[in-house]
């Protein structure tokens, strides 16, 4: 068992009427998988763990779009905690868009938004990649392999969620918030065709929601 909170399919039985759900999504989610308060508490703990393991400036790099809410909350906690030496850690922020080109099989290639010049500026630095969810893991593995050539001091990954899917290549991030079942989940910036990013809780999308927002 990894160092994360495991959410089982049997656990996602929070009743919608017990939580604040935006009215425009009332029929579009079937249940709440992880309430917002639990997400925030878990991120706070992750931040304490992360900050304790660094002694020099840390570059925190957000994978857009989905990772930005986790990134924002994580950075706020990182700034408020001290490391094992009792010091606040200097933090630099970066942002990256990543896309992979895959048909029936992975090409192993990624396209990223940062320029070669920007990437060369990471040489000799501690870098933490912040992602919202690891699904198959193929894109992240390809990204990490690409970044290795820029001679970073260290390179780690924090992901709020990892999905238990038979399609996984086995990649496990250095820091994980929750292990979730092989469901299509939305909320806390996880989207379905760019909807549900404004939903605070992580929820299971309903069949009606999938139909309503498909192929928009």
N, C-alpha and C. Protein backbone atom coordinates (compact mmCIF):
# COMPACT_ATOMS: atom_id res chain seq x y z
N UNK A 1 0.85 -1.20 0.00
CA UNK A 1 0.00 0.00 0.00
C UNK A 1 0.88 1.24 0.00
N UNK A 2 0.58 2.18 -0.87
CA UNK A 2 1.37 3.39 -0.97
C UNK A 2 1.02 4.39 0.11
N UNK A 3 1.78 5.47 0.15
CA UNK A 3 1.58 6.51 1.14
C UNK A 3 0.56 7.52 0.63
N UNK A 4 -0.68 7.08 0.55
CA UNK A 4 -1.77 7.92 0.08
C UNK A 4 -3.09 7.41 0.67
N UNK A 5 -4.14 8.16 0.46
CA UNK A 5 -5.47 7.75 0.89
C UNK A 5 -6.13 7.00 -0.25
N UNK A 6 -6.56 5.78 -0.01
CA UNK A 6 -7.21 4.98 -1.04
C UNK A 6 -8.72 5.13 -0.94
N UNK A 7 -9.31 5.58 -2.04
CA UNK A 7 -10.77 5.71 -2.12
C UNK A 7 -11.31 4.53 -2.91
N UNK A 8 -12.19 3.74 -2.30
CA UNK A 8 -12.77 2.59 -2.99
C UNK A 8 -14.11 2.97 -3.62
N UNK A 9 -14.57 2.14 -4.52
CA UNK A 9 -15.86 2.41 -5.17
C UNK A 9 -17.00 2.40 -4.16
N UNK A 10 -16.86 1.61 -3.12
CA UNK A 10 -17.91 1.54 -2.10
C UNK A 10 -17.98 2.80 -1.26
N UNK A 11 -16.90 3.59 -1.25
CA UNK A 11 -16.85 4.77 -0.39
C UNK A 11 -17.56 5.98 -1.00
N UNK A 12 -17.76 5.99 -2.30
CA UNK A 12 -18.30 7.22 -2.90
C UNK A 12 -19.83 7.22 -2.81
N UNK A 13 -20.29 7.32 -1.56
CA UNK A 13 -21.72 7.28 -1.30
C UNK A 13 -22.22 8.49 -0.53
N UNK A 14 -21.42 9.59 -0.57
CA UNK A 14 -21.90 10.82 0.05
C UNK A 14 -23.12 11.33 -0.73
N UNK A 15 -24.16 11.66 -0.01
CA UNK A 15 -25.38 12.13 -0.66
C UNK A 15 -25.21 13.57 -1.12
N UNK A 16 -25.64 13.86 -2.32
CA UNK A 16 -25.48 15.19 -2.89
C UNK A 16 -26.18 16.25 -2.05
N UNK A 17 -27.31 15.90 -1.45
CA UNK A 17 -28.08 16.88 -0.70
C UNK A 17 -27.38 17.31 0.59
N UNK A 18 -26.33 16.58 0.99
CA UNK A 18 -25.60 16.94 2.20
C UNK A 18 -24.48 17.94 1.94
N UNK A 19 -24.26 18.29 0.69
CA UNK A 19 -23.16 19.19 0.32
C UNK A 19 -23.66 20.27 -0.63
N UNK A 20 -22.85 21.31 -0.73
CA UNK A 20 -23.20 22.42 -1.62
C UNK A 20 -22.71 22.11 -3.03
N UNK A 21 -23.65 21.86 -3.93
CA UNK A 21 -23.36 21.58 -5.33
C UNK A 21 -23.95 22.70 -6.17
N UNK A 22 -23.18 23.30 -7.09
CA UNK A 22 -23.76 24.32 -7.97
C UNK A 22 -25.02 23.81 -8.66
N UNK A 23 -26.04 24.63 -8.68
CA UNK A 23 -27.33 24.20 -9.20
C UNK A 23 -27.24 23.71 -10.63
N UNK A 24 -26.34 24.30 -11.42
CA UNK A 24 -26.26 23.91 -12.83
C UNK A 24 -25.64 22.53 -13.02
N UNK A 25 -25.13 21.93 -11.94
CA UNK A 25 -24.60 20.57 -12.03
C UNK A 25 -25.45 19.57 -11.23
N UNK A 26 -26.62 19.99 -10.77
CA UNK A 26 -27.42 19.17 -9.86
C UNK A 26 -27.74 17.79 -10.43
N UNK A 27 -27.97 17.71 -11.73
CA UNK A 27 -28.33 16.44 -12.36
C UNK A 27 -27.14 15.78 -13.06
N UNK A 28 -25.97 16.41 -12.99
CA UNK A 28 -24.85 15.98 -13.82
C UNK A 28 -23.82 15.13 -13.08
N UNK A 29 -23.94 15.04 -11.75
CA UNK A 29 -23.06 14.17 -10.96
C UNK A 29 -23.91 13.21 -10.16
N UNK A 30 -23.41 12.00 -9.99
CA UNK A 30 -24.20 10.97 -9.31
C UNK A 30 -23.88 10.85 -7.83
N UNK A 31 -22.65 11.22 -7.43
CA UNK A 31 -22.27 11.12 -6.02
C UNK A 31 -20.99 11.90 -5.79
N UNK A 32 -20.72 12.17 -4.53
CA UNK A 32 -19.47 12.85 -4.16
C UNK A 32 -18.46 11.79 -3.74
N UNK A 33 -17.31 11.81 -4.40
CA UNK A 33 -16.25 10.85 -4.12
C UNK A 33 -15.35 11.35 -2.99
N UNK A 34 -14.92 12.63 -3.09
CA UNK A 34 -14.05 13.22 -2.07
C UNK A 34 -14.53 14.65 -1.80
N UNK A 35 -15.01 14.93 -0.60
CA UNK A 35 -15.45 16.29 -0.27
C UNK A 35 -14.27 17.28 -0.29
N UNK A 36 -14.58 18.52 -0.57
CA UNK A 36 -13.55 19.55 -0.71
C UNK A 36 -12.69 19.69 0.55
N UNK A 37 -13.31 19.63 1.71
CA UNK A 37 -12.55 19.78 2.95
C UNK A 37 -11.49 18.71 3.12
N UNK A 38 -11.81 17.47 2.74
CA UNK A 38 -10.84 16.39 2.83
C UNK A 38 -9.69 16.61 1.85
N UNK A 39 -10.00 17.13 0.67
CA UNK A 39 -8.96 17.44 -0.32
C UNK A 39 -7.98 18.46 0.25
N UNK A 40 -8.50 19.52 0.84
CA UNK A 40 -7.64 20.58 1.37
C UNK A 40 -6.77 20.07 2.51
N UNK A 41 -7.34 19.27 3.40
CA UNK A 41 -6.56 18.72 4.51
C UNK A 41 -5.44 17.83 3.99
N UNK A 42 -5.73 17.05 2.97
CA UNK A 42 -4.71 16.15 2.42
C UNK A 42 -3.59 16.96 1.75
N UNK A 43 -3.94 18.04 1.06
CA UNK A 43 -2.93 18.88 0.42
C UNK A 43 -2.03 19.52 1.47
N UNK A 44 -2.62 19.94 2.59
CA UNK A 44 -1.82 20.52 3.67
C UNK A 44 -0.78 19.53 4.16
N UNK A 45 -1.18 18.27 4.33
CA UNK A 45 -0.24 17.24 4.78
C UNK A 45 0.84 16.99 3.73
N UNK A 46 0.46 16.95 2.46
CA UNK A 46 1.44 16.77 1.39
C UNK A 46 2.48 17.89 1.42
N UNK A 47 2.01 19.13 1.61
CA UNK A 47 2.92 20.27 1.65
C UNK A 47 3.92 20.15 2.78
N UNK A 48 3.48 19.71 3.95
CA UNK A 48 4.40 19.52 5.08
C UNK A 48 5.45 18.47 4.75
N UNK A 49 5.02 17.40 4.11
CA UNK A 49 5.96 16.34 3.74
C UNK A 49 6.97 16.84 2.72
N UNK A 50 6.48 17.53 1.71
CA UNK A 50 7.36 18.02 0.64
C UNK A 50 8.39 19.01 1.19
N UNK A 51 7.93 19.99 1.95
CA UNK A 51 8.83 21.06 2.41
C UNK A 51 9.92 20.51 3.31
N UNK A 52 9.64 19.42 4.01
CA UNK A 52 10.63 18.85 4.93
C UNK A 52 11.79 18.19 4.19
N UNK A 53 11.63 17.94 2.90
CA UNK A 53 12.62 17.19 2.15
C UNK A 53 13.51 18.06 1.26
N UNK A 54 13.38 19.37 1.38
CA UNK A 54 14.20 20.28 0.57
C UNK A 54 14.90 21.28 1.48
N UNK A 55 16.10 21.70 1.05
CA UNK A 55 16.86 22.68 1.83
C UNK A 55 17.23 23.91 1.00
N UNK A 56 16.97 23.85 -0.31
CA UNK A 56 17.33 24.96 -1.20
C UNK A 56 16.10 25.38 -1.99
N UNK A 57 16.25 26.44 -2.78
CA UNK A 57 15.13 26.95 -3.57
C UNK A 57 14.47 25.85 -4.38
N UNK A 58 13.16 25.85 -4.36
CA UNK A 58 12.38 24.84 -5.07
C UNK A 58 11.59 25.49 -6.20
N UNK A 59 11.71 24.93 -7.40
CA UNK A 59 10.90 25.38 -8.53
C UNK A 59 9.68 24.48 -8.61
N UNK A 60 8.50 25.05 -8.42
CA UNK A 60 7.25 24.30 -8.47
C UNK A 60 6.60 24.59 -9.81
N UNK A 61 6.43 23.55 -10.61
CA UNK A 61 5.97 23.70 -11.99
C UNK A 61 4.60 23.07 -12.15
N UNK A 62 3.62 23.88 -12.50
CA UNK A 62 2.23 23.44 -12.66
C UNK A 62 1.96 22.95 -14.08
N UNK A 63 1.36 21.76 -14.18
CA UNK A 63 0.91 21.25 -15.47
C UNK A 63 -0.51 21.76 -15.70
N UNK A 64 -0.68 22.62 -16.70
CA UNK A 64 -1.98 23.21 -17.00
C UNK A 64 -2.79 22.29 -17.92
N UNK A 65 -4.16 22.36 -17.90
CA UNK A 65 -4.96 23.26 -17.12
C UNK A 65 -5.33 22.64 -15.78
N UNK A 66 -5.53 21.34 -15.79
CA UNK A 66 -6.16 20.67 -14.67
C UNK A 66 -5.45 20.82 -13.35
N UNK A 67 -4.13 21.00 -13.37
CA UNK A 67 -3.38 21.03 -12.14
C UNK A 67 -3.39 22.36 -11.41
N UNK A 68 -4.03 23.38 -11.97
CA UNK A 68 -3.80 24.72 -11.41
C UNK A 68 -4.43 24.92 -10.03
N UNK A 69 -5.56 24.28 -9.72
CA UNK A 69 -6.16 24.47 -8.39
C UNK A 69 -5.34 23.75 -7.33
N UNK A 70 -4.94 22.52 -7.62
CA UNK A 70 -4.05 21.78 -6.71
C UNK A 70 -2.76 22.55 -6.51
N UNK A 71 -2.21 23.06 -7.59
CA UNK A 71 -0.98 23.85 -7.55
C UNK A 71 -1.14 25.06 -6.64
N UNK A 72 -2.22 25.82 -6.82
CA UNK A 72 -2.43 27.04 -6.03
C UNK A 72 -2.55 26.72 -4.55
N UNK A 73 -3.32 25.71 -4.21
CA UNK A 73 -3.50 25.36 -2.80
C UNK A 73 -2.21 24.79 -2.21
N UNK A 74 -1.51 23.98 -2.99
CA UNK A 74 -0.26 23.40 -2.51
C UNK A 74 0.79 24.47 -2.24
N UNK A 75 0.94 25.41 -3.18
CA UNK A 75 1.93 26.48 -3.03
C UNK A 75 1.62 27.35 -1.81
N UNK A 76 0.34 27.63 -1.58
CA UNK A 76 -0.03 28.44 -0.40
C UNK A 76 0.42 27.75 0.89
N UNK A 77 0.26 26.45 0.96
CA UNK A 77 0.71 25.73 2.15
C UNK A 77 2.24 25.66 2.19
N UNK A 78 2.89 25.43 1.06
CA UNK A 78 4.35 25.37 1.02
C UNK A 78 4.97 26.66 1.56
N UNK A 79 4.37 27.78 1.22
CA UNK A 79 4.90 29.07 1.65
C UNK A 79 4.76 29.28 3.15
N UNK A 80 3.81 28.58 3.77
CA UNK A 80 3.53 28.82 5.19
C UNK A 80 4.31 27.90 6.12
N UNK A 81 4.93 26.86 5.58
CA UNK A 81 5.63 25.88 6.41
C UNK A 81 7.14 26.07 6.34
N UNK A 82 7.84 25.54 7.33
CA UNK A 82 9.30 25.57 7.35
C UNK A 82 9.85 24.17 7.10
N UNK A 83 11.09 24.12 6.60
CA UNK A 83 11.71 22.82 6.34
C UNK A 83 12.32 22.24 7.60
N UNK A 84 13.08 21.15 7.45
CA UNK A 84 13.63 20.45 8.62
C UNK A 84 14.64 21.31 9.37
N UNK A 85 15.17 22.36 8.71
CA UNK A 85 16.08 23.30 9.37
C UNK A 85 15.35 24.47 10.02
N UNK A 86 14.04 24.42 9.98
CA UNK A 86 13.24 25.48 10.58
C UNK A 86 13.20 26.76 9.76
N UNK A 87 13.46 26.65 8.45
CA UNK A 87 13.51 27.82 7.58
C UNK A 87 12.40 27.76 6.53
N UNK A 88 11.87 28.92 6.17
CA UNK A 88 10.97 28.99 5.04
C UNK A 88 11.76 28.77 3.76
N UNK A 89 11.22 28.01 2.85
CA UNK A 89 11.92 27.65 1.63
C UNK A 89 11.59 28.63 0.51
N UNK A 90 12.62 29.23 -0.14
CA UNK A 90 12.34 30.07 -1.31
C UNK A 90 11.69 29.22 -2.41
N UNK A 91 10.65 29.74 -3.02
CA UNK A 91 9.90 28.99 -4.03
C UNK A 91 9.78 29.82 -5.30
N UNK A 92 10.08 29.20 -6.43
CA UNK A 92 9.84 29.80 -7.74
C UNK A 92 8.71 29.05 -8.41
N UNK A 93 7.92 29.76 -9.22
CA UNK A 93 6.77 29.16 -9.87
C UNK A 93 6.95 29.12 -11.38
N UNK A 94 6.51 28.02 -11.97
CA UNK A 94 6.55 27.87 -13.42
C UNK A 94 5.29 27.17 -13.88
N UNK A 95 5.01 27.30 -15.17
CA UNK A 95 3.80 26.71 -15.73
C UNK A 95 4.13 26.05 -17.06
N UNK A 96 3.49 24.92 -17.31
CA UNK A 96 3.80 24.16 -18.51
C UNK A 96 2.53 23.48 -19.02
N UNK A 97 2.40 23.46 -20.33
CA UNK A 97 1.36 22.66 -20.97
C UNK A 97 2.05 21.48 -21.63
N UNK A 98 1.47 20.32 -21.46
CA UNK A 98 2.07 19.10 -22.00
C UNK A 98 1.03 18.36 -22.83
N UNK A 99 1.44 17.93 -24.01
CA UNK A 99 0.57 17.09 -24.83
C UNK A 99 1.40 15.98 -25.43
N UNK A 100 0.80 14.81 -25.58
CA UNK A 100 1.48 13.67 -26.18
C UNK A 100 0.72 13.27 -27.44
N UNK A 101 1.43 12.67 -28.34
CA UNK A 101 0.84 12.27 -29.60
C UNK A 101 0.83 10.75 -29.67
N UNK A 102 -0.36 10.17 -29.51
CA UNK A 102 -0.50 8.73 -29.44
C UNK A 102 -1.66 8.30 -30.31
N UNK A 103 -1.49 7.21 -31.04
CA UNK A 103 -2.58 6.62 -31.78
C UNK A 103 -2.96 5.32 -31.07
N UNK A 104 -2.66 4.20 -31.70
CA UNK A 104 -2.95 2.93 -31.03
C UNK A 104 -1.93 2.62 -29.95
N UNK A 105 -0.75 3.23 -30.04
CA UNK A 105 0.29 3.00 -29.04
C UNK A 105 1.04 4.29 -28.79
N UNK A 106 1.74 4.33 -27.66
CA UNK A 106 2.46 5.53 -27.29
C UNK A 106 3.65 5.76 -28.21
N UNK A 107 3.82 7.00 -28.64
CA UNK A 107 4.96 7.34 -29.46
C UNK A 107 6.19 7.63 -28.61
N UNK A 108 5.95 7.92 -27.31
CA UNK A 108 7.05 8.28 -26.44
C UNK A 108 7.49 9.71 -26.60
N UNK A 109 6.76 10.50 -27.40
CA UNK A 109 7.11 11.89 -27.64
C UNK A 109 6.13 12.81 -26.93
N UNK A 110 6.62 13.92 -26.42
CA UNK A 110 5.75 14.91 -25.80
C UNK A 110 6.06 16.27 -26.40
N UNK A 111 5.06 17.10 -26.43
CA UNK A 111 5.23 18.48 -26.84
C UNK A 111 4.91 19.34 -25.64
N UNK A 112 5.83 20.24 -25.27
CA UNK A 112 5.63 21.07 -24.09
C UNK A 112 5.73 22.53 -24.47
N UNK A 113 5.11 23.37 -23.63
CA UNK A 113 5.00 24.79 -23.96
C UNK A 113 6.24 25.59 -23.59
N UNK A 114 7.10 25.08 -22.72
CA UNK A 114 8.29 25.82 -22.32
C UNK A 114 9.36 25.73 -23.42
N UNK A 115 10.05 26.83 -23.65
CA UNK A 115 11.08 26.86 -24.68
C UNK A 115 12.36 26.18 -24.19
N UNK A 116 13.25 25.86 -25.13
CA UNK A 116 14.54 25.27 -24.77
C UNK A 116 15.31 26.21 -23.84
N UNK A 117 15.22 27.50 -24.09
CA UNK A 117 15.92 28.47 -23.25
C UNK A 117 15.39 28.42 -21.83
N UNK A 118 14.07 28.37 -21.68
CA UNK A 118 13.47 28.30 -20.34
C UNK A 118 13.87 27.01 -19.63
N UNK A 119 13.89 25.92 -20.36
CA UNK A 119 14.24 24.64 -19.77
C UNK A 119 15.70 24.59 -19.36
N UNK A 120 16.57 25.21 -20.14
CA UNK A 120 17.98 25.26 -19.77
C UNK A 120 18.19 26.05 -18.48
N UNK A 121 17.27 26.98 -18.19
CA UNK A 121 17.35 27.76 -16.96
C UNK A 121 17.06 26.94 -15.71
N UNK A 122 16.58 25.71 -15.89
CA UNK A 122 16.30 24.82 -14.75
C UNK A 122 17.52 24.01 -14.34
N UNK A 123 18.60 24.13 -15.07
CA UNK A 123 19.81 23.36 -14.77
C UNK A 123 20.27 23.60 -13.33
N UNK A 124 20.55 22.50 -12.62
CA UNK A 124 21.05 22.60 -11.26
C UNK A 124 20.02 22.94 -10.21
N UNK A 125 18.72 22.92 -10.57
CA UNK A 125 17.67 23.31 -9.64
C UNK A 125 16.82 22.11 -9.23
N UNK A 126 16.24 22.21 -8.03
CA UNK A 126 15.24 21.24 -7.59
C UNK A 126 13.90 21.61 -8.21
N UNK A 127 13.29 20.67 -8.93
CA UNK A 127 12.04 20.94 -9.63
C UNK A 127 10.97 19.95 -9.17
N UNK A 128 9.81 20.48 -8.86
CA UNK A 128 8.66 19.66 -8.49
C UNK A 128 7.56 19.89 -9.53
N UNK A 129 7.20 18.83 -10.27
CA UNK A 129 6.11 18.89 -11.23
C UNK A 129 4.80 18.63 -10.51
N UNK A 130 3.82 19.50 -10.68
CA UNK A 130 2.53 19.35 -10.01
C UNK A 130 1.45 19.04 -11.05
N UNK A 131 0.85 17.88 -10.90
CA UNK A 131 -0.16 17.37 -11.83
C UNK A 131 -1.44 17.08 -11.06
N UNK A 132 -2.58 17.14 -11.75
CA UNK A 132 -3.84 16.85 -11.07
C UNK A 132 -4.07 15.35 -10.91
N UNK A 133 -3.91 14.59 -12.01
CA UNK A 133 -4.21 13.16 -11.94
C UNK A 133 -3.29 12.39 -12.88
N UNK A 134 -2.82 11.25 -12.41
CA UNK A 134 -2.06 10.32 -13.23
C UNK A 134 -2.99 9.19 -13.62
N UNK A 135 -3.20 9.03 -14.92
CA UNK A 135 -4.09 8.00 -15.42
C UNK A 135 -3.25 6.83 -15.93
N UNK A 136 -2.89 6.83 -17.21
CA UNK A 136 -2.03 5.77 -17.73
C UNK A 136 -0.59 5.96 -17.31
N UNK A 137 -0.17 7.22 -17.11
CA UNK A 137 1.21 7.51 -16.74
C UNK A 137 2.15 7.70 -17.92
N UNK A 138 1.69 7.44 -19.13
CA UNK A 138 2.58 7.49 -20.30
C UNK A 138 3.10 8.89 -20.56
N UNK A 139 2.22 9.89 -20.51
CA UNK A 139 2.65 11.25 -20.80
C UNK A 139 3.66 11.74 -19.77
N UNK A 140 3.40 11.45 -18.48
CA UNK A 140 4.32 11.91 -17.44
C UNK A 140 5.68 11.26 -17.57
N UNK A 141 5.73 9.97 -17.85
CA UNK A 141 7.01 9.28 -18.02
C UNK A 141 7.79 9.89 -19.17
N UNK A 142 7.10 10.19 -20.27
CA UNK A 142 7.76 10.80 -21.42
C UNK A 142 8.28 12.19 -21.07
N UNK A 143 7.51 12.95 -20.32
CA UNK A 143 7.94 14.29 -19.91
C UNK A 143 9.19 14.21 -19.03
N UNK A 144 9.20 13.33 -18.07
CA UNK A 144 10.34 13.21 -17.16
C UNK A 144 11.60 12.79 -17.92
N UNK A 145 11.44 11.88 -18.87
CA UNK A 145 12.59 11.46 -19.68
C UNK A 145 13.14 12.64 -20.47
N UNK A 146 12.26 13.47 -21.00
CA UNK A 146 12.69 14.63 -21.78
C UNK A 146 13.41 15.65 -20.90
N UNK A 147 12.92 15.86 -19.69
CA UNK A 147 13.51 16.87 -18.81
C UNK A 147 14.88 16.47 -18.27
N UNK A 148 15.16 15.18 -18.26
CA UNK A 148 16.44 14.72 -17.70
C UNK A 148 17.65 15.31 -18.42
N UNK A 149 17.51 15.61 -19.69
CA UNK A 149 18.66 16.10 -20.46
C UNK A 149 19.06 17.52 -20.08
N UNK A 150 18.22 18.19 -19.25
CA UNK A 150 18.53 19.57 -18.86
C UNK A 150 19.27 19.65 -17.53
N UNK A 151 19.72 18.52 -17.02
CA UNK A 151 20.62 18.45 -15.86
C UNK A 151 20.07 19.15 -14.62
N UNK A 152 18.85 18.82 -14.27
CA UNK A 152 18.25 19.34 -13.05
C UNK A 152 18.93 18.71 -11.84
N UNK A 153 18.95 19.46 -10.73
CA UNK A 153 19.49 18.90 -9.49
C UNK A 153 18.64 17.75 -9.02
N UNK A 154 17.33 17.93 -9.06
CA UNK A 154 16.40 16.85 -8.73
C UNK A 154 15.09 17.11 -9.46
N UNK A 155 14.33 16.05 -9.68
CA UNK A 155 13.06 16.15 -10.40
C UNK A 155 12.08 15.18 -9.76
N UNK A 156 11.01 15.74 -9.17
CA UNK A 156 9.99 14.91 -8.54
C UNK A 156 8.61 15.34 -9.02
N UNK A 157 7.63 14.48 -8.76
CA UNK A 157 6.25 14.72 -9.20
C UNK A 157 5.31 14.62 -8.02
N UNK A 158 4.41 15.59 -7.91
CA UNK A 158 3.30 15.53 -6.95
C UNK A 158 2.01 15.48 -7.74
N UNK A 159 1.20 14.48 -7.50
CA UNK A 159 -0.10 14.36 -8.16
C UNK A 159 -1.18 14.19 -7.09
N UNK A 160 -2.23 14.95 -7.22
CA UNK A 160 -3.29 14.85 -6.22
C UNK A 160 -3.98 13.50 -6.30
N UNK A 161 -4.11 12.97 -7.51
CA UNK A 161 -4.81 11.70 -7.71
C UNK A 161 -3.99 10.76 -8.59
N UNK A 162 -4.06 9.47 -8.29
CA UNK A 162 -3.66 8.45 -9.23
C UNK A 162 -4.86 7.53 -9.41
N UNK A 163 -5.08 7.12 -10.65
CA UNK A 163 -6.25 6.29 -10.95
C UNK A 163 -5.82 4.82 -11.06
N UNK A 164 -6.58 3.97 -10.41
CA UNK A 164 -6.32 2.53 -10.49
C UNK A 164 -6.97 1.99 -11.77
N UNK A 165 -6.19 1.92 -12.81
CA UNK A 165 -6.70 1.51 -14.11
C UNK A 165 -5.79 0.43 -14.70
N UNK A 166 -6.35 -0.54 -15.41
CA UNK A 166 -5.52 -1.56 -16.06
C UNK A 166 -4.66 -0.99 -17.18
N UNK A 167 -4.91 0.24 -17.57
CA UNK A 167 -4.12 0.89 -18.62
C UNK A 167 -2.85 1.54 -18.08
N UNK A 168 -2.68 1.53 -16.75
CA UNK A 168 -1.52 2.19 -16.14
C UNK A 168 -0.22 1.48 -16.52
N UNK A 169 0.82 2.29 -16.73
CA UNK A 169 2.15 1.73 -16.99
C UNK A 169 2.94 1.49 -15.70
N UNK A 170 2.30 1.72 -14.57
CA UNK A 170 2.93 1.47 -13.29
C UNK A 170 3.65 2.66 -12.68
N UNK A 171 3.62 3.81 -13.36
CA UNK A 171 4.29 4.99 -12.81
C UNK A 171 3.60 5.47 -11.54
N UNK A 172 4.39 5.71 -10.49
CA UNK A 172 3.88 6.24 -9.23
C UNK A 172 4.63 7.54 -8.93
N UNK A 173 3.91 8.65 -8.75
CA UNK A 173 4.56 9.92 -8.40
C UNK A 173 5.24 9.85 -7.03
N UNK A 174 6.11 10.81 -6.78
CA UNK A 174 6.80 10.87 -5.49
C UNK A 174 5.85 11.25 -4.36
N UNK A 175 4.86 12.07 -4.67
CA UNK A 175 3.88 12.51 -3.68
C UNK A 175 2.48 12.32 -4.27
N UNK A 176 1.62 11.64 -3.53
CA UNK A 176 0.27 11.33 -4.02
C UNK A 176 -0.74 11.67 -2.93
N UNK A 177 -1.83 12.32 -3.34
CA UNK A 177 -2.89 12.62 -2.40
C UNK A 177 -3.84 11.46 -2.20
N UNK A 178 -4.45 11.01 -3.30
CA UNK A 178 -5.48 9.98 -3.24
C UNK A 178 -5.30 8.98 -4.39
N UNK A 179 -5.58 7.72 -4.09
CA UNK A 179 -5.74 6.69 -5.13
C UNK A 179 -7.24 6.51 -5.34
N UNK A 180 -7.69 6.68 -6.59
CA UNK A 180 -9.12 6.65 -6.88
C UNK A 180 -9.44 5.48 -7.82
N UNK A 181 -10.67 4.98 -7.76
CA UNK A 181 -11.05 3.87 -8.64
C UNK A 181 -11.13 4.30 -10.09
N UNK A 182 -11.28 3.33 -10.96
CA UNK A 182 -11.30 3.58 -12.40
C UNK A 182 -12.67 4.11 -12.83
N UNK A 183 -12.96 5.31 -12.35
CA UNK A 183 -14.20 6.01 -12.68
C UNK A 183 -13.84 7.33 -13.37
N UNK A 184 -14.79 7.88 -14.12
CA UNK A 184 -14.56 9.20 -14.69
C UNK A 184 -14.99 10.22 -13.63
N UNK A 185 -14.01 10.89 -13.05
CA UNK A 185 -14.29 11.83 -11.97
C UNK A 185 -14.12 13.27 -12.44
N UNK A 186 -14.88 14.16 -11.83
CA UNK A 186 -14.86 15.58 -12.19
C UNK A 186 -14.86 16.40 -10.90
N UNK A 187 -14.53 17.67 -11.05
CA UNK A 187 -14.51 18.59 -9.92
C UNK A 187 -13.11 18.88 -9.45
N UNK A 188 -12.96 19.95 -8.66
CA UNK A 188 -11.66 20.42 -8.21
C UNK A 188 -10.71 20.54 -9.41
N UNK A 189 -11.25 21.14 -10.47
CA UNK A 189 -10.56 21.43 -11.74
C UNK A 189 -10.39 20.22 -12.65
N UNK A 190 -10.85 19.05 -12.23
CA UNK A 190 -10.92 17.93 -13.18
C UNK A 190 -12.16 18.15 -14.04
N UNK A 191 -11.98 18.08 -15.36
CA UNK A 191 -13.08 18.48 -16.23
C UNK A 191 -13.59 17.35 -17.11
N UNK A 192 -14.74 17.60 -17.71
CA UNK A 192 -15.28 16.79 -18.79
C UNK A 192 -15.66 17.76 -19.89
N UNK A 193 -14.87 17.75 -20.97
CA UNK A 193 -15.06 18.73 -22.06
C UNK A 193 -15.12 20.16 -21.53
N UNK A 194 -14.23 20.45 -20.60
CA UNK A 194 -14.04 21.78 -20.01
C UNK A 194 -15.19 22.22 -19.10
N UNK A 195 -16.01 21.31 -18.67
CA UNK A 195 -17.03 21.58 -17.66
C UNK A 195 -16.60 20.97 -16.33
N UNK A 196 -17.22 21.43 -15.25
CA UNK A 196 -17.01 20.95 -13.87
C UNK A 196 -15.75 21.49 -13.21
N UNK A 197 -14.99 22.36 -13.87
CA UNK A 197 -13.81 22.92 -13.20
C UNK A 197 -14.22 23.81 -12.02
N UNK A 198 -15.44 24.30 -12.03
CA UNK A 198 -15.93 25.18 -10.97
C UNK A 198 -16.65 24.41 -9.86
N UNK A 199 -16.50 23.10 -9.84
CA UNK A 199 -17.10 22.26 -8.81
C UNK A 199 -16.03 21.95 -7.76
N UNK A 200 -16.28 22.29 -6.49
CA UNK A 200 -15.25 22.14 -5.45
C UNK A 200 -14.97 20.69 -5.08
N UNK A 201 -16.01 19.87 -4.98
CA UNK A 201 -15.85 18.48 -4.59
C UNK A 201 -15.45 17.63 -5.80
N UNK A 202 -14.81 16.50 -5.54
CA UNK A 202 -14.55 15.54 -6.60
C UNK A 202 -15.72 14.56 -6.64
N UNK A 203 -16.34 14.47 -7.80
CA UNK A 203 -17.57 13.71 -7.95
C UNK A 203 -17.48 12.71 -9.09
N UNK A 204 -18.37 11.71 -9.05
CA UNK A 204 -18.55 10.80 -10.17
C UNK A 204 -19.58 11.43 -11.10
N UNK A 205 -19.23 11.56 -12.36
CA UNK A 205 -20.16 12.14 -13.32
C UNK A 205 -21.32 11.17 -13.56
N UNK A 206 -22.51 11.71 -13.75
CA UNK A 206 -23.69 10.87 -13.99
C UNK A 206 -23.82 10.57 -15.48
N UNK A 207 -24.56 9.53 -15.85
CA UNK A 207 -24.81 9.26 -17.27
C UNK A 207 -25.44 10.47 -17.97
N UNK A 208 -26.31 11.18 -17.26
CA UNK A 208 -26.93 12.38 -17.83
C UNK A 208 -25.90 13.46 -18.10
N UNK A 209 -24.94 13.58 -17.18
CA UNK A 209 -23.89 14.57 -17.36
C UNK A 209 -23.01 14.29 -18.55
N UNK A 210 -22.68 13.02 -18.74
CA UNK A 210 -21.85 12.64 -19.89
C UNK A 210 -22.55 12.98 -21.20
N UNK A 211 -23.84 12.68 -21.25
CA UNK A 211 -24.61 12.97 -22.48
C UNK A 211 -24.74 14.47 -22.69
N UNK A 212 -25.01 15.19 -21.63
CA UNK A 212 -25.25 16.64 -21.72
C UNK A 212 -24.05 17.40 -22.26
N UNK A 213 -22.84 16.98 -21.84
CA UNK A 213 -21.64 17.75 -22.18
C UNK A 213 -20.72 17.06 -23.19
N UNK A 214 -21.17 15.99 -23.78
CA UNK A 214 -20.30 15.29 -24.72
C UNK A 214 -20.17 16.05 -26.02
N UNK A 215 -18.94 16.06 -26.54
CA UNK A 215 -18.64 16.61 -27.87
C UNK A 215 -19.13 18.03 -28.06
N UNK A 216 -18.99 18.87 -27.03
CA UNK A 216 -19.38 20.27 -27.18
C UNK A 216 -18.30 21.04 -27.93
